[in-house]
Amino acid sequence: MLQAVVLGGLEFSPLVVYFPIAFLLTALSRFILHRLDWHDRIWRVAWFEVSLFVCYLALTVYLLSGRII
């Protein structure tokens, strides 16, 4: 179950932690794609990057939420 993050007595959504992690993973993937010169092969770059962020966000939520199958 997702738990609230408490900072200075204020409760925040756990997405406050998950969003930066997903953003860093997306930025790292984007850097690697540009470094390998594969970004030219992507048809719609903006849509690809948004979908990559959403996939990394879903993966981060799944891995850090503590659910065990």
PDB file of N, CA and C in Angstrom:
ATOM      1  N   MET A   1       0.839  -1.176   0.000  1.00  0.00           N
ATOM      2  CA  MET A   1       0.000   0.000   0.000  1.00  0.00           C
ATOM      3  C   MET A   1       0.887   1.242   0.000  1.00  0.00           C
ATOM      4  N   LEU A   2       0.454   2.255  -0.725  1.00  0.00           N
ATOM      5  CA  LEU A   2       1.213   3.492  -0.787  1.00  0.00           C
ATOM      6  C   LEU A   2       1.042   4.268   0.518  1.00  0.00           C
ATOM      7  N   GLN A   3       2.132   4.768   1.039  1.00  0.00           N
ATOM      8  CA  GLN A   3       2.107   5.503   2.297  1.00  0.00           C
ATOM      9  C   GLN A   3       2.442   6.962   2.035  1.00  0.00           C
ATOM     10  N   ALA A   4       1.854   7.837   2.826  1.00  0.00           N
ATOM     11  CA  ALA A   4       2.129   9.265   2.688  1.00  0.00           C
ATOM     12  C   ALA A   4       3.549   9.562   3.166  1.00  0.00           C
ATOM     13  N   VAL A   5       4.180  10.532   2.529  1.00  0.00           N
ATOM     14  CA  VAL A   5       5.521  10.968   2.903  1.00  0.00           C
ATOM     15  C   VAL A   5       5.366  12.194   3.792  1.00  0.00           C
ATOM     16  N   VAL A   6       5.967  12.162   4.976  1.00  0.00           N
ATOM     17  CA  VAL A   6       5.843  13.267   5.917  1.00  0.00           C
ATOM     18  C   VAL A   6       7.150  14.055   5.933  1.00  0.00           C
ATOM     19  N   LEU A   7       7.051  15.339   5.600  1.00  0.00           N
ATOM     20  CA  LEU A   7       8.206  16.244   5.626  1.00  0.00           C
ATOM     21  C   LEU A   7       7.832  17.487   6.413  1.00  0.00           C
ATOM     22  N   GLY A   8       8.479  17.697   7.537  1.00  0.00           N
ATOM     23  CA  GLY A   8       8.216  18.879   8.339  1.00  0.00           C
ATOM     24  C   GLY A   8       6.799  18.956   8.860  1.00  0.00           C
ATOM     25  N   GLY A   9       6.194  17.832   9.131  1.00  0.00           N
ATOM     26  CA  GLY A   9       4.842  17.808   9.642  1.00  0.00           C
ATOM     27  C   GLY A   9       3.769  17.864   8.573  1.00  0.00           C
ATOM     28  N   LEU A  10       4.149  17.979   7.298  1.00  0.00           N
ATOM     29  CA  LEU A  10       3.194  17.998   6.209  1.00  0.00           C
ATOM     30  C   LEU A  10       3.191  16.652   5.501  1.00  0.00           C
ATOM     31  N   GLU A  11       2.008  16.193   5.173  1.00  0.00           N
ATOM     32  CA  GLU A  11       1.900  14.933   4.452  1.00  0.00           C
ATOM     33  C   GLU A  11       1.816  15.189   2.955  1.00  0.00           C
ATOM     34  N   PHE A  12       2.612  14.457   2.217  1.00  0.00           N
ATOM     35  CA  PHE A  12       2.638  14.562   0.768  1.00  0.00           C
ATOM     36  C   PHE A  12       2.314  13.215   0.160  1.00  0.00           C
ATOM     37  N   SER A  13       1.854  13.253  -1.061  1.00  0.00           N
ATOM     38  CA  SER A  13       1.587  12.032  -1.803  1.00  0.00           C
ATOM     39  C   SER A  13       2.907  11.309  -2.060  1.00  0.00           C
ATOM     40  N   PRO A  14       2.887   9.983  -2.129  1.00  0.00           N
ATOM     41  CA  PRO A  14       4.115   9.251  -2.446  1.00  0.00           C
ATOM     42  C   PRO A  14       4.637   9.566  -3.848  1.00  0.00           C
ATOM     43  N   LEU A  15       3.794  10.140  -4.689  1.00  0.00           N
ATOM     44  CA  LEU A  15       4.252  10.513  -6.024  1.00  0.00           C
ATOM     45  C   LEU A  15       5.315  11.606  -5.977  1.00  0.00           C
ATOM     46  N   VAL A  16       5.412  12.311  -4.855  1.00  0.00           N
ATOM     47  CA  VAL A  16       6.472  13.309  -4.690  1.00  0.00           C
ATOM     48  C   VAL A  16       7.836  12.633  -4.751  1.00  0.00           C
ATOM     49  N   VAL A  17       7.908  11.391  -4.338  1.00  0.00           N
ATOM     50  CA  VAL A  17       9.159  10.626  -4.404  1.00  0.00           C
ATOM     51  C   VAL A  17       9.281   9.905  -5.736  1.00  0.00           C
ATOM     52  N   TYR A  18       8.164   9.391  -6.260  1.00  0.00           N
ATOM     53  CA  TYR A  18       8.192   8.575  -7.465  1.00  0.00           C
ATOM     54  C   TYR A  18       8.465   9.386  -8.729  1.00  0.00           C
ATOM     55  N   PHE A  19       7.920  10.612  -8.813  1.00  0.00           N
ATOM     56  CA  PHE A  19       8.108  11.428 -10.012  1.00  0.00           C
ATOM     57  C   PHE A  19       9.579  11.739 -10.299  1.00  0.00           C
ATOM     58  N   PRO A  20      10.363  12.207  -9.314  1.00  0.00           N
ATOM     59  CA  PRO A  20      11.781  12.477  -9.635  1.00  0.00           C
ATOM     60  C   PRO A  20      12.571  11.235 -10.047  1.00  0.00           C
ATOM     61  N   ILE A  21      12.241  10.090  -9.454  1.00  0.00           N
ATOM     62  CA  ILE A  21      12.937   8.853  -9.832  1.00  0.00           C
ATOM     63  C   ILE A  21      12.627   8.513 -11.283  1.00  0.00           C
ATOM     64  N   ALA A  22      11.353   8.588 -11.657  1.00  0.00           N
ATOM     65  CA  ALA A  22      10.952   8.294 -13.040  1.00  0.00           C
ATOM     66  C   ALA A  22      11.553   9.313 -14.001  1.00  0.00           C
ATOM     67  N   PHE A  23      11.615  10.569 -13.578  1.00  0.00           N
ATOM     68  CA  PHE A  23      12.208  11.608 -14.427  1.00  0.00           C
ATOM     69  C   PHE A  23      13.689  11.354 -14.654  1.00  0.00           C
ATOM     70  N   LEU A  24      14.412  10.977 -13.611  1.00  0.00           N
ATOM     71  CA  LEU A  24      15.843  10.692 -13.767  1.00  0.00           C
ATOM     72  C   LEU A  24      16.080   9.484 -14.668  1.00  0.00           C
ATOM     73  N   LEU A  25      15.255   8.454 -14.540  1.00  0.00           N
ATOM     74  CA  LEU A  25      15.389   7.288 -15.419  1.00  0.00           C
ATOM     75  C   LEU A  25      15.099   7.661 -16.869  1.00  0.00           C
ATOM     76  N   THR A  26      14.096   8.524 -17.074  1.00  0.00           N
ATOM     77  CA  THR A  26      13.767   8.977 -18.431  1.00  0.00           C
ATOM     78  C   THR A  26      14.908   9.815 -19.001  1.00  0.00           C
ATOM     79  N   ALA A  27      15.457  10.706 -18.191  1.00  0.00           N
ATOM     80  CA  ALA A  27      16.567  11.540 -18.649  1.00  0.00           C
ATOM     81  C   ALA A  27      17.790  10.690 -18.982  1.00  0.00           C
ATOM     82  N   LEU A  28      18.050   9.674 -18.178  1.00  0.00           N
ATOM     83  CA  LEU A  28      19.172   8.776 -18.448  1.00  0.00           C
ATOM     84  C   LEU A  28      18.955   8.006 -19.749  1.00  0.00           C
ATOM     85  N   SER A  29      17.747   7.509 -19.960  1.00  0.00           N
ATOM     86  CA  SER A  29      17.442   6.799 -21.207  1.00  0.00           C
ATOM     87  C   SER A  29      17.563   7.723 -22.408  1.00  0.00           C
ATOM     88  N   ARG A  30      17.077   8.950 -22.258  1.00  0.00           N
ATOM     89  CA  ARG A  30      17.171   9.919 -23.347  1.00  0.00           C
ATOM     90  C   ARG A  30      18.627  10.236 -23.675  1.00  0.00           C
ATOM     91  N   PHE A  31      19.456  10.393 -22.631  1.00  0.00           N
ATOM     92  CA  PHE A  31      20.882  10.650 -22.837  1.00  0.00           C
ATOM     93  C   PHE A  31      21.539   9.496 -23.578  1.00  0.00           C
ATOM     94  N   ILE A  32      21.207   8.271 -23.177  1.00  0.00           N
ATOM     95  CA  ILE A  32      21.797   7.095 -23.827  1.00  0.00           C
ATOM     96  C   ILE A  32      21.356   7.009 -25.289  1.00  0.00           C
ATOM     97  N   LEU A  33      20.074   7.274 -25.556  1.00  0.00           N
ATOM     98  CA  LEU A  33      19.590   7.245 -26.940  1.00  0.00           C
ATOM     99  C   LEU A  33      20.290   8.290 -27.811  1.00  0.00           C
ATOM    100  N   HIS A  34      20.499   9.475 -27.269  1.00  0.00           N
ATOM    101  CA  HIS A  34      21.189  10.513 -28.035  1.00  0.00           C
ATOM    102  C   HIS A  34      22.666  10.190 -28.201  1.00  0.00           C
ATOM    103  N   ARG A  35      23.255   9.600 -27.169  1.00  0.00           N
ATOM    104  CA  ARG A  35      24.684   9.245 -27.221  1.00  0.00           C
ATOM    105  C   ARG A  35      24.942   8.158 -28.269  1.00  0.00           C
ATOM    106  N   LEU A  36      24.014   7.199 -28.375  1.00  0.00           N
ATOM    107  CA  LEU A  36      24.155   6.119 -29.353  1.00  0.00           C
ATOM    108  C   LEU A  36      23.635   6.517 -30.738  1.00  0.00           C
ATOM    109  N   ASP A  37      23.101   7.741 -30.827  1.00  0.00           N
ATOM    110  CA  ASP A  37      22.574   8.296 -32.074  1.00  0.00           C
ATOM    111  C   ASP A  37      21.377   7.486 -32.584  1.00  0.00           C
ATOM    112  N   TRP A  38      20.557   7.011 -31.677  1.00  0.00           N
ATOM    113  CA  TRP A  38      19.357   6.265 -32.033  1.00  0.00           C
ATOM    114  C   TRP A  38      18.118   7.141 -32.030  1.00  0.00           C
ATOM    115  N   HIS A  39      18.241   8.399 -31.591  1.00  0.00           N
ATOM    116  CA  HIS A  39      17.062   9.254 -31.509  1.00  0.00           C
ATOM    117  C   HIS A  39      16.496   9.576 -32.893  1.00  0.00           C
ATOM    118  N   ASP A  40      17.305   9.420 -33.945  1.00  0.00           N
ATOM    119  CA  ASP A  40      16.814   9.663 -35.308  1.00  0.00           C
ATOM    120  C   ASP A  40      15.840   8.583 -35.770  1.00  0.00           C
ATOM    121  N   ARG A  41      15.891   7.423 -35.167  1.00  0.00           N
ATOM    122  CA  ARG A  41      15.046   6.305 -35.573  1.00  0.00           C
ATOM    123  C   ARG A  41      13.658   6.339 -34.950  1.00  0.00           C
ATOM    124  N   ILE A  42      13.451   7.254 -34.005  1.00  0.00           N
ATOM    125  CA  ILE A  42      12.159   7.358 -33.330  1.00  0.00           C
ATOM    126  C   ILE A  42      11.272   8.284 -34.139  1.00  0.00           C
ATOM    127  N   TRP A  43      10.048   7.835 -34.416  1.00  0.00           N
ATOM    128  CA  TRP A  43       9.163   8.577 -35.303  1.00  0.00           C
ATOM    129  C   TRP A  43       8.650   9.850 -34.633  1.00  0.00           C
ATOM    130  N   ARG A  44       8.034   9.725 -33.476  1.00  0.00           N
ATOM    131  CA  ARG A  44       7.519  10.865 -32.712  1.00  0.00           C
ATOM    132  C   ARG A  44       8.270  10.926 -31.381  1.00  0.00           C
ATOM    133  N   VAL A  45       9.282  11.744 -31.324  1.00  0.00           N
ATOM    134  CA  VAL A  45      10.175  11.772 -30.167  1.00  0.00           C
ATOM    135  C   VAL A  45       9.441  12.206 -28.903  1.00  0.00           C
ATOM    136  N   ALA A  46       8.625  13.238 -28.988  1.00  0.00           N
ATOM    137  CA  ALA A  46       7.922  13.739 -27.801  1.00  0.00           C
ATOM    138  C   ALA A  46       6.984  12.688 -27.219  1.00  0.00           C
ATOM    139  N   TRP A  47       6.238  12.012 -28.072  1.00  0.00           N
ATOM    140  CA  TRP A  47       5.334  10.961 -27.594  1.00  0.00           C
ATOM    141  C   TRP A  47       6.112   9.800 -26.988  1.00  0.00           C
ATOM    142  N   PHE A  48       7.239   9.480 -27.593  1.00  0.00           N
ATOM    143  CA  PHE A  48       8.075   8.399 -27.067  1.00  0.00           C
ATOM    144  C   PHE A  48       8.586   8.743 -25.671  1.00  0.00           C
ATOM    145  N   GLU A  49       9.039   9.981 -25.490  1.00  0.00           N
ATOM    146  CA  GLU A  49       9.581  10.371 -24.186  1.00  0.00           C
ATOM    147  C   GLU A  49       8.495  10.410 -23.118  1.00  0.00           C
ATOM    148  N   VAL A  50       7.307  10.870 -23.460  1.00  0.00           N
ATOM    149  CA  VAL A  50       6.208  10.873 -22.497  1.00  0.00           C
ATOM    150  C   VAL A  50       5.819   9.444 -22.128  1.00  0.00           C
ATOM    151  N   SER A  51       5.729   8.580 -23.118  1.00  0.00           N
ATOM    152  CA  SER A  51       5.364   7.191 -22.825  1.00  0.00           C
ATOM    153  C   SER A  51       6.455   6.489 -22.029  1.00  0.00           C
ATOM    154  N   LEU A  52       7.701   6.826 -22.288  1.00  0.00           N
ATOM    155  CA  LEU A  52       8.800   6.262 -21.510  1.00  0.00           C
ATOM    156  C   LEU A  52       8.715   6.717 -20.059  1.00  0.00           C
ATOM    157  N   PHE A  53       8.385   7.993 -19.841  1.00  0.00           N
ATOM    158  CA  PHE A  53       8.210   8.501 -18.477  1.00  0.00           C
ATOM    159  C   PHE A  53       7.069   7.779 -17.765  1.00  0.00           C
ATOM    160  N   VAL A  54       5.962   7.579 -18.447  1.00  0.00           N
ATOM    161  CA  VAL A  54       4.815   6.893 -17.841  1.00  0.00           C
ATOM    162  C   VAL A  54       5.174   5.450 -17.490  1.00  0.00           C
ATOM    163  N   CYS A  55       5.904   4.787 -18.372  1.00  0.00           N
ATOM    164  CA  CYS A  55       6.329   3.411 -18.092  1.00  0.00           C
ATOM    165  C   CYS A  55       7.283   3.351 -16.904  1.00  0.00           C
ATOM    166  N   TYR A  56       8.231   4.275 -16.846  1.00  0.00           N
ATOM    167  CA  TYR A  56       9.146   4.312 -15.698  1.00  0.00           C
ATOM    168  C   TYR A  56       8.407   4.670 -14.411  1.00  0.00           C
ATOM    169  N   LEU A  57       7.413   5.546 -14.499  1.00  0.00           N
ATOM    170  CA  LEU A  57       6.632   5.892 -13.311  1.00  0.00           C
ATOM    171  C   LEU A  57       5.855   4.675 -12.820  1.00  0.00           C
ATOM    172  N   ALA A  58       5.246   3.936 -13.729  1.00  0.00           N
ATOM    173  CA  ALA A  58       4.510   2.726 -13.343  1.00  0.00           C
ATOM    174  C   ALA A  58       5.453   1.691 -12.734  1.00  0.00           C
ATOM    175  N   LEU A  59       6.628   1.534 -13.319  1.00  0.00           N
ATOM    176  CA  LEU A  59       7.611   0.593 -12.774  1.00  0.00           C
ATOM    177  C   LEU A  59       8.075   1.018 -11.386  1.00  0.00           C
ATOM    178  N   THR A  60       8.311   2.300 -11.192  1.00  0.00           N
ATOM    179  CA  THR A  60       8.748   2.817  -9.896  1.00  0.00           C
ATOM    180  C   THR A  60       7.679   2.612  -8.835  1.00  0.00           C
ATOM    181  N   VAL A  61       6.429   2.917  -9.179  1.00  0.00           N
ATOM    182  CA  VAL A  61       5.329   2.711  -8.232  1.00  0.00           C
ATOM    183  C   VAL A  61       5.201   1.233  -7.891  1.00  0.00           C
ATOM    184  N   TYR A  62       5.316   0.386  -8.890  1.00  0.00           N
ATOM    185  CA  TYR A  62       5.193  -1.056  -8.651  1.00  0.00           C
ATOM    186  C   TYR A  62       6.321  -1.582  -7.751  1.00  0.00           C
ATOM    187  N   LEU A  63       7.540  -1.162  -8.024  1.00  0.00           N
ATOM    188  CA  LEU A  63       8.672  -1.681  -7.258  1.00  0.00           C
ATOM    189  C   LEU A  63       8.764  -1.110  -5.851  1.00  0.00           C
ATOM    190  N   LEU A  64       8.402   0.147  -5.690  1.00  0.00           N
ATOM    191  CA  LEU A  64       8.556   0.785  -4.381  1.00  0.00           C
ATOM    192  C   LEU A  64       7.301   0.753  -3.521  1.00  0.00           C
ATOM    193  N   SER A  65       6.218   0.222  -4.027  1.00  0.00           N
ATOM    194  CA  SER A  65       4.985   0.199  -3.241  1.00  0.00           C
ATOM    195  C   SER A  65       4.951  -0.963  -2.244  1.00  0.00           C
ATOM    196  N   GLY A  66       5.869  -1.888  -2.358  1.00  0.00           N
ATOM    197  CA  GLY A  66       5.947  -2.978  -1.408  1.00  0.00           C
ATOM    198  C   GLY A  66       5.019  -4.141  -1.701  1.00  0.00           C
ATOM    199  N   ARG A  67       4.454  -4.165  -2.889  1.00  0.00           N
ATOM    200  CA  ARG A  67       3.574  -5.275  -3.246  1.00  0.00           C
ATOM    201  C   ARG A  67       4.399  -6.474  -3.670  1.00  0.00           C
ATOM    202  N   ILE A  68       4.025  -7.617  -3.155  1.00  0.00           N
ATOM    203  CA  ILE A  68       4.712  -8.855  -3.517  1.00  0.00           C
ATOM    204  C   ILE A  68       3.669  -9.800  -4.106  1.00  0.00           C
ATOM    205  N   ILE A  69       3.952 -10.314  -5.285  1.00  0.00           N
ATOM    206  CA  ILE A  69       3.012 -11.230  -5.934  1.00  0.00           C
ATOM    207  C   ILE A  69       3.324 -12.652  -5.511  1.00  0.00           C
TER     208      ILE A  69
END
